[in-house]
Protein backbone atom coordinates (compact mmCIF):
# COMPACT_ATOMS: atom_id res chain seq x y z
CA UNK A 1 12.12 88.02 31.16
CA UNK A 2 8.97 90.14 31.33
CA UNK A 3 6.14 91.23 29.05
CA UNK A 4 5.60 94.84 30.13
CA UNK A 5 2.12 94.20 31.53
CA UNK A 6 2.11 95.81 34.98
CA UNK A 7 0.57 93.65 37.70
CA UNK A 8 0.57 96.08 40.60
CA UNK A 9 1.38 99.59 41.75
CA UNK A 10 3.92 99.17 44.54
CA UNK A 11 5.41 101.66 46.99
CA UNK A 12 8.98 102.27 48.09
CA UNK A 13 8.94 101.86 51.88
CA UNK A 14 12.66 102.03 52.69
CA UNK A 15 15.96 102.93 51.00
CA UNK A 16 19.36 102.09 52.47
CA UNK A 17 22.10 103.92 50.56
CA UNK A 18 25.63 102.49 50.39
CA UNK A 19 28.83 103.89 48.91
CA UNK A 20 28.19 102.49 45.43
CA UNK A 21 24.81 100.79 45.75
CA UNK A 22 21.45 100.95 47.46
CA UNK A 23 19.00 98.53 49.00
CA UNK A 24 15.32 99.12 48.24
CA UNK A 25 12.39 97.71 50.17
CA UNK A 26 9.16 97.73 48.19
CA UNK A 27 5.60 97.02 49.24
CA UNK A 28 3.84 94.82 46.70
CA UNK A 29 1.69 92.00 48.11
CA UNK A 30 0.39 90.87 44.71
CA UNK A 31 3.88 90.77 43.20
CA UNK A 32 4.99 88.57 46.10
CA UNK A 33 2.41 85.85 45.44
CA UNK A 34 4.40 82.75 44.50
CA UNK A 35 7.68 84.69 44.68
CA UNK A 36 10.72 83.13 46.34
CA UNK A 37 14.20 84.26 47.35
CA UNK A 38 16.25 84.91 44.19
CA UNK A 39 13.26 85.53 41.91
CA UNK A 40 13.15 88.57 39.64
CA UNK A 41 10.67 91.43 39.83
CA UNK A 42 10.69 94.40 37.46
CA UNK A 43 10.48 97.65 39.43
CA UNK A 44 9.44 100.44 37.03
CA UNK A 45 11.15 98.49 34.28
CA UNK A 46 14.33 97.56 36.17
CA UNK A 47 14.88 93.85 36.78
CA UNK A 48 15.75 93.36 40.46
CA UNK A 49 16.44 90.19 42.47
CA UNK A 50 14.50 89.48 45.65
CA UNK A 51 16.97 89.01 48.52
CA UNK A 52 14.55 89.32 51.43
CA UNK A 53 10.76 89.26 51.75
CA UNK A 54 7.93 89.50 54.23
CA UNK A 55 4.22 89.04 53.68
CA UNK A 56 3.84 92.31 51.80
CA UNK A 57 7.35 93.65 51.11
CA UNK A 58 10.49 92.55 49.35
CA UNK A 59 14.04 93.90 49.40
CA UNK A 60 16.45 94.11 46.47
CA UNK A 61 19.98 95.41 45.96
CA UNK A 62 20.55 98.03 43.26
CA UNK A 63 24.04 98.49 41.82
CA UNK A 64 25.62 101.86 41.07
CA UNK A 65 25.37 101.28 37.31
CA UNK A 66 21.64 100.61 37.61
CA UNK A 67 21.16 103.79 39.62
CA UNK A 68 23.12 105.78 37.02
CA UNK A 69 21.20 104.30 34.06
CA UNK A 70 17.70 104.54 35.48
CA UNK A 71 15.35 106.84 37.34
CA UNK A 72 15.66 104.75 40.51
CA UNK A 73 18.30 107.16 41.74
CA UNK A 74 15.54 109.75 42.14
CA UNK A 75 12.88 107.75 43.97
CA UNK A 76 12.19 108.39 47.64
CA UNK A 77 10.29 106.64 50.40
CA UNK A 78 6.64 106.78 49.40
CA UNK A 79 7.29 106.84 45.64
CA UNK A 80 4.96 104.60 43.61
CA UNK A 81 6.58 102.06 41.28
CA UNK A 82 5.29 99.68 38.62
CA UNK A 83 5.72 96.01 39.51
CA UNK A 84 5.75 92.91 37.33
CA UNK A 85 6.84 89.40 38.18
CA UNK A 86 8.99 87.50 35.70
CA UNK A 87 7.01 85.70 33.01
CA UNK A 88 6.61 81.93 33.15
CA UNK A 89 6.94 79.60 30.19
CA UNK A 90 3.47 79.16 28.76
CA UNK A 91 2.17 82.57 29.88
CA UNK A 92 0.34 84.77 27.40
CA UNK A 93 2.64 87.41 25.90
CA UNK A 94 0.29 90.34 26.40
CA UNK A 95 2.93 92.99 25.72
CA UNK A 96 6.29 92.26 24.12
CA UNK A 97 9.57 90.65 25.17
CA UNK A 98 11.07 92.84 27.90
CA UNK A 99 14.37 92.07 29.63
CA UNK A 100 14.25 94.60 32.44
CA UNK A 101 17.59 95.98 31.25
CA UNK A 102 17.04 99.72 31.01
CA UNK A 103 18.86 101.42 28.11
CA UNK A 104 18.61 104.89 29.65
CA UNK A 105 16.09 107.52 30.63
CA UNK A 106 13.96 110.04 28.79
CA UNK A 107 12.13 113.14 29.95
CA UNK A 108 8.40 113.74 29.56
CA UNK A 109 8.18 116.71 27.19
CA UNK A 110 4.41 117.13 26.92
CA UNK A 111 1.10 115.46 27.69
CA UNK A 112 -2.02 116.02 25.59
CA UNK A 113 -5.36 114.76 26.94
CA UNK A 114 -7.85 113.18 24.59
CA UNK A 115 -11.44 112.09 24.96
CA UNK A 116 -10.48 108.62 26.24
CA UNK A 117 -6.70 108.60 26.18
CA UNK A 118 -3.63 110.72 26.76
CA UNK A 119 -0.76 111.35 24.37
CA UNK A 120 2.64 111.55 26.05
CA UNK A 121 5.76 112.83 24.28
CA UNK A 122 9.11 111.68 25.68
CA UNK A 123 12.64 112.77 24.78
CA UNK A 124 14.83 110.07 23.28
CA UNK A 125 18.61 109.88 23.83
CA UNK A 126 20.42 110.17 20.48
CA UNK A 127 22.03 106.74 20.88
CA UNK A 128 18.60 105.11 21.23
CA UNK A 129 16.85 106.97 18.41
CA UNK A 130 17.78 104.43 15.67
CA UNK A 131 16.25 101.64 17.78
CA UNK A 132 12.76 103.16 18.00
CA UNK A 133 10.33 103.00 15.07
CA UNK A 134 6.79 104.17 14.45
CA UNK A 135 4.29 101.46 15.50
CA UNK A 136 7.14 99.54 17.16
CA UNK A 137 7.35 98.51 20.81
CA UNK A 138 9.04 100.39 23.63
CA UNK A 139 9.02 99.98 27.40
CA UNK A 140 8.45 103.09 29.52
CA UNK A 141 8.85 102.62 33.27
CA UNK A 142 8.27 98.91 32.69
CA UNK A 143 5.07 99.40 30.66
CA UNK A 144 4.91 97.81 27.21
CA UNK A 145 3.70 100.49 24.78
CA UNK A 146 3.33 101.04 21.05
CA UNK A 147 5.06 104.07 19.54
CA UNK A 148 2.35 106.25 17.96
CA UNK A 149 4.64 108.97 16.53
CA UNK A 150 8.35 109.68 16.29
CA UNK A 151 10.61 112.58 15.39
CA UNK A 152 12.24 112.83 11.97
CA UNK A 153 15.80 111.46 11.68
CA UNK A 154 17.16 114.99 11.15
CA UNK A 155 15.23 116.57 14.03
CA UNK A 156 17.42 118.61 16.43
CA UNK A 157 16.07 116.59 19.36
CA UNK A 158 14.78 113.03 19.13
CA UNK A 159 11.45 112.16 20.72
CA UNK A 160 8.63 109.64 20.52
CA UNK A 161 4.98 109.62 21.50
CA UNK A 162 2.74 106.98 23.03
CA UNK A 163 -1.03 107.00 23.44
CA UNK A 164 -2.18 105.82 26.86
CA UNK A 165 -5.61 104.28 27.38
CA UNK A 166 -7.55 104.82 30.64
CA UNK A 167 -6.50 101.41 31.99
CA UNK A 168 -2.80 102.27 31.61
CA UNK A 169 -3.32 105.68 33.18
CA UNK A 170 -5.10 104.16 36.19
CA UNK A 171 -3.02 101.00 36.69
CA UNK A 172 0.52 102.41 36.28
CA UNK A 173 2.61 105.38 37.35
CA UNK A 174 2.32 106.86 33.85
CA UNK A 175 -1.01 108.40 34.78
CA UNK A 176 0.79 110.81 37.11
CA UNK A 177 3.69 111.72 34.83
CA UNK A 178 4.03 115.42 33.99
CA UNK A 179 6.48 117.36 31.81
CA UNK A 180 9.94 117.25 33.34
CA UNK A 181 9.59 113.79 34.87
CA UNK A 182 12.26 111.18 34.05
CA UNK A 183 11.16 107.77 32.83
CA UNK A 184 13.05 104.53 32.24
CA UNK A 185 13.35 103.39 28.62
CA UNK A 186 14.03 99.93 27.23
CA UNK A 187 14.09 99.53 23.47
CA UNK A 188 13.02 96.42 21.58
CA UNK A 189 15.59 93.62 22.01
CA UNK A 190 15.29 92.70 18.32
CA UNK A 191 16.20 96.25 17.29
CA UNK A 192 19.25 96.14 19.54
CA UNK A 193 20.49 92.92 17.98
CA UNK A 194 19.97 94.24 14.45
CA UNK A 195 21.85 97.45 15.27
CA UNK A 196 24.75 95.44 16.70
CA UNK A 197 24.96 93.23 13.60
CA UNK A 198 24.84 96.25 11.31
CA UNK A 199 27.66 97.87 13.29
CA UNK A 200 29.89 94.86 12.65
CA UNK A 201 28.82 94.79 9.01
CA UNK A 202 29.80 98.44 8.56
CA UNK A 203 33.12 97.76 10.28
CA UNK A 204 33.94 94.86 7.97
CA UNK A 205 33.06 96.95 4.92
CA UNK A 206 35.51 99.64 6.05
CA UNK A 207 38.43 97.25 6.56
CA UNK A 208 41.16 96.96 3.87
CA UNK A 209 40.37 94.33 1.27
CA UNK A 210 43.54 92.40 2.19
CA UNK A 211 42.15 91.63 5.65
CA UNK A 212 41.04 88.04 5.76
CA UNK A 213 43.06 86.96 2.70
CA UNK A 214 45.56 84.12 2.70
CA UNK A 215 48.74 85.45 4.36
CA UNK A 216 50.84 84.15 1.45
CA UNK A 217 48.87 86.08 -1.17
CA UNK A 218 48.63 89.23 0.96
CA UNK A 219 52.29 89.43 2.01
CA UNK A 220 53.95 92.25 0.00
CA UNK A 221 57.46 90.83 0.62
CA UNK A 222 56.61 87.39 -0.68
CA UNK A 223 56.67 84.09 1.14
CA UNK A 224 57.78 80.62 0.26
CA UNK A 225 55.43 77.69 -0.07
CA UNK A 226 56.27 76.79 3.52
CA UNK A 227 54.99 80.15 4.73
CA UNK A 228 58.44 81.39 5.77
CA UNK A 229 59.71 84.79 4.59
CA UNK A 230 62.55 85.05 2.07
CA UNK A 231 66.05 85.36 3.56
């Protein structure tokens, strides 16, 4: 579990590609403080498990599904990545509850500079659009952000905007994002649970009214008191 508050800008120093996976080695001395084998570190929003480490680098395996669902399939040696160690019980929750389970990717559509901030508009996959609300939380490349604007439900293409302060621009990879760049997205876990419950609720409402009734009262042929059919 993470909070979306980036601790360090790391660097990809090696990538070993397999048939259906990859092994990443990342430089991040701060993220390695107090970290042991098997601990979790979020790499640009993707929760990875430390399998090897040195004084300044750690290595993690990345499955094919993770590569397909995230922007990690496009990083190269030298690419900067946002790093955050897993939260500890009792830590301040500076951002919001982040799992490190990326829902998909979006594309930076536009950036608009302000006097002391930058507005970034990002495309939103249609399946994720119902899970993002104005003034709600979203994680972009592992950074906990507040949605400052969102497209209308009937818009031809879904998008959302975030306003980035100078600290976020300087301390994370988001400061270098330009239109066309892919970013990892993780929606609010509470929104995902609500959507799942509503899906089941809609399914139950659509089922025939006889579903769930006593088999004896719902049986059109008729049954005896023992539950056996007439012969």
